[in-house]
Amino acid sequence: MPSTLQTVLQYMTAISLDHLLIWKQNASPVLEEAFVYMLHPAS
């Protein structure tokens, strides 16, 4: 697993759901698209 992805996953598990939702609301459409893609990679 790439260290970058590992760091992202560790960060995501370290923050609360509320903070995650706030980040998503303030993220640019591109960042949100990338975030959704990370959660649901294309098969």
N, C-alpha and C. Protein backbone atom coordinates (compact mmCIF):
# COMPACT_ATOMS: atom_id res chain seq x y z
N MET A 1 0.85 -1.20 0.00
CA MET A 1 0.00 0.00 0.00
C MET A 1 0.88 1.25 0.00
N PRO A 2 0.63 2.18 -0.92
CA PRO A 2 1.44 3.41 -0.97
C PRO A 2 1.37 4.16 0.35
N SER A 3 2.50 4.72 0.75
CA SER A 3 2.55 5.42 2.04
C SER A 3 1.58 6.60 2.06
N THR A 4 1.39 7.24 0.90
CA THR A 4 0.48 8.39 0.84
C THR A 4 -0.94 7.95 1.18
N LEU A 5 -1.39 6.88 0.56
CA LEU A 5 -2.74 6.37 0.82
C LEU A 5 -2.86 5.92 2.27
N GLN A 6 -1.80 5.31 2.77
CA GLN A 6 -1.80 4.86 4.16
C GLN A 6 -1.98 6.05 5.10
N THR A 7 -1.27 7.13 4.81
CA THR A 7 -1.36 8.33 5.65
C THR A 7 -2.77 8.91 5.59
N VAL A 8 -3.35 8.93 4.40
CA VAL A 8 -4.71 9.45 4.24
C VAL A 8 -5.69 8.62 5.05
N LEU A 9 -5.55 7.30 4.97
CA LEU A 9 -6.47 6.42 5.69
C LEU A 9 -6.32 6.61 7.19
N GLN A 10 -5.07 6.75 7.65
CA GLN A 10 -4.84 6.94 9.08
C GLN A 10 -5.44 8.26 9.53
N TYR A 11 -5.31 9.30 8.70
CA TYR A 11 -5.87 10.60 9.04
C TYR A 11 -7.39 10.54 9.08
N MET A 12 -7.97 9.85 8.10
CA MET A 12 -9.43 9.75 8.03
C MET A 12 -9.99 9.03 9.25
N THR A 13 -9.29 8.01 9.72
CA THR A 13 -9.79 7.27 10.87
C THR A 13 -9.55 8.02 12.16
N ALA A 14 -8.67 9.03 12.12
CA ALA A 14 -8.33 9.77 13.33
C ALA A 14 -9.30 10.92 13.58
N ILE A 15 -9.99 11.37 12.54
CA ILE A 15 -10.90 12.51 12.70
C ILE A 15 -12.33 12.02 12.88
N SER A 16 -13.16 12.88 13.44
CA SER A 16 -14.55 12.51 13.69
C SER A 16 -15.38 12.68 12.42
N LEU A 17 -16.56 12.07 12.41
CA LEU A 17 -17.44 12.15 11.24
C LEU A 17 -17.88 13.59 11.01
N ASP A 18 -18.11 14.34 12.08
CA ASP A 18 -18.53 15.73 11.94
C ASP A 18 -17.47 16.53 11.21
N HIS A 19 -16.21 16.36 11.59
CA HIS A 19 -15.12 17.08 10.94
C HIS A 19 -15.02 16.67 9.48
N LEU A 20 -15.27 15.39 9.21
CA LEU A 20 -15.21 14.89 7.84
C LEU A 20 -16.29 15.56 6.99
N LEU A 21 -17.49 15.67 7.54
CA LEU A 21 -18.59 16.29 6.80
C LEU A 21 -18.31 17.77 6.56
N ILE A 22 -17.75 18.44 7.56
CA ILE A 22 -17.42 19.86 7.41
C ILE A 22 -16.38 20.03 6.32
N TRP A 23 -15.37 19.14 6.31
CA TRP A 23 -14.32 19.23 5.30
C TRP A 23 -14.92 19.05 3.91
N LYS A 24 -15.83 18.08 3.78
CA LYS A 24 -16.45 17.82 2.49
C LYS A 24 -17.26 19.03 2.02
N GLN A 25 -17.95 19.68 2.95
CA GLN A 25 -18.77 20.83 2.58
C GLN A 25 -17.91 21.99 2.09
N ASN A 26 -16.70 22.12 2.65
CA ASN A 26 -15.82 23.23 2.29
C ASN A 26 -14.85 22.88 1.17
N ALA A 27 -14.78 21.59 0.81
CA ALA A 27 -13.84 21.16 -0.22
C ALA A 27 -14.32 21.60 -1.60
N SER A 28 -13.36 21.80 -2.48
CA SER A 28 -13.72 22.13 -3.86
C SER A 28 -14.32 20.91 -4.53
N PRO A 29 -15.10 21.09 -5.59
CA PRO A 29 -15.72 19.94 -6.28
C PRO A 29 -14.69 18.89 -6.68
N VAL A 30 -13.51 19.32 -7.08
CA VAL A 30 -12.47 18.36 -7.50
C VAL A 30 -12.03 17.52 -6.32
N LEU A 31 -11.81 18.16 -5.18
CA LEU A 31 -11.38 17.41 -4.00
C LEU A 31 -12.48 16.46 -3.55
N GLU A 32 -13.71 16.92 -3.61
CA GLU A 32 -14.82 16.05 -3.19
C GLU A 32 -14.94 14.85 -4.14
N GLU A 33 -14.74 15.10 -5.43
CA GLU A 33 -14.80 14.00 -6.40
C GLU A 33 -13.72 12.98 -6.08
N ALA A 34 -12.52 13.47 -5.79
CA ALA A 34 -11.41 12.57 -5.47
C ALA A 34 -11.71 11.80 -4.18
N PHE A 35 -12.33 12.49 -3.22
CA PHE A 35 -12.67 11.86 -1.95
C PHE A 35 -13.68 10.74 -2.16
N VAL A 36 -14.71 11.02 -2.93
CA VAL A 36 -15.74 10.01 -3.20
C VAL A 36 -15.12 8.84 -3.97
N TYR A 37 -14.21 9.14 -4.88
CA TYR A 37 -13.56 8.09 -5.66
C TYR A 37 -12.73 7.19 -4.76
N MET A 38 -12.08 7.79 -3.76
CA MET A 38 -11.27 7.00 -2.83
C MET A 38 -12.16 6.07 -2.02
N LEU A 39 -13.35 6.55 -1.65
CA LEU A 39 -14.26 5.72 -0.86
C LEU A 39 -14.90 4.64 -1.72
N HIS A 40 -15.18 4.98 -2.99
CA HIS A 40 -15.85 4.04 -3.89
C HIS A 40 -15.09 3.96 -5.21
N PRO A 41 -13.94 3.28 -5.22
CA PRO A 41 -13.16 3.17 -6.44
C PRO A 41 -13.93 2.46 -7.54
N ALA A 42 -13.72 2.90 -8.76
CA ALA A 42 -14.41 2.27 -9.89
C ALA A 42 -13.94 0.84 -10.05
N SER A 43 -14.87 -0.06 -10.31
CA SER A 43 -14.51 -1.47 -10.44
C SER A 43 -14.12 -1.80 -11.88
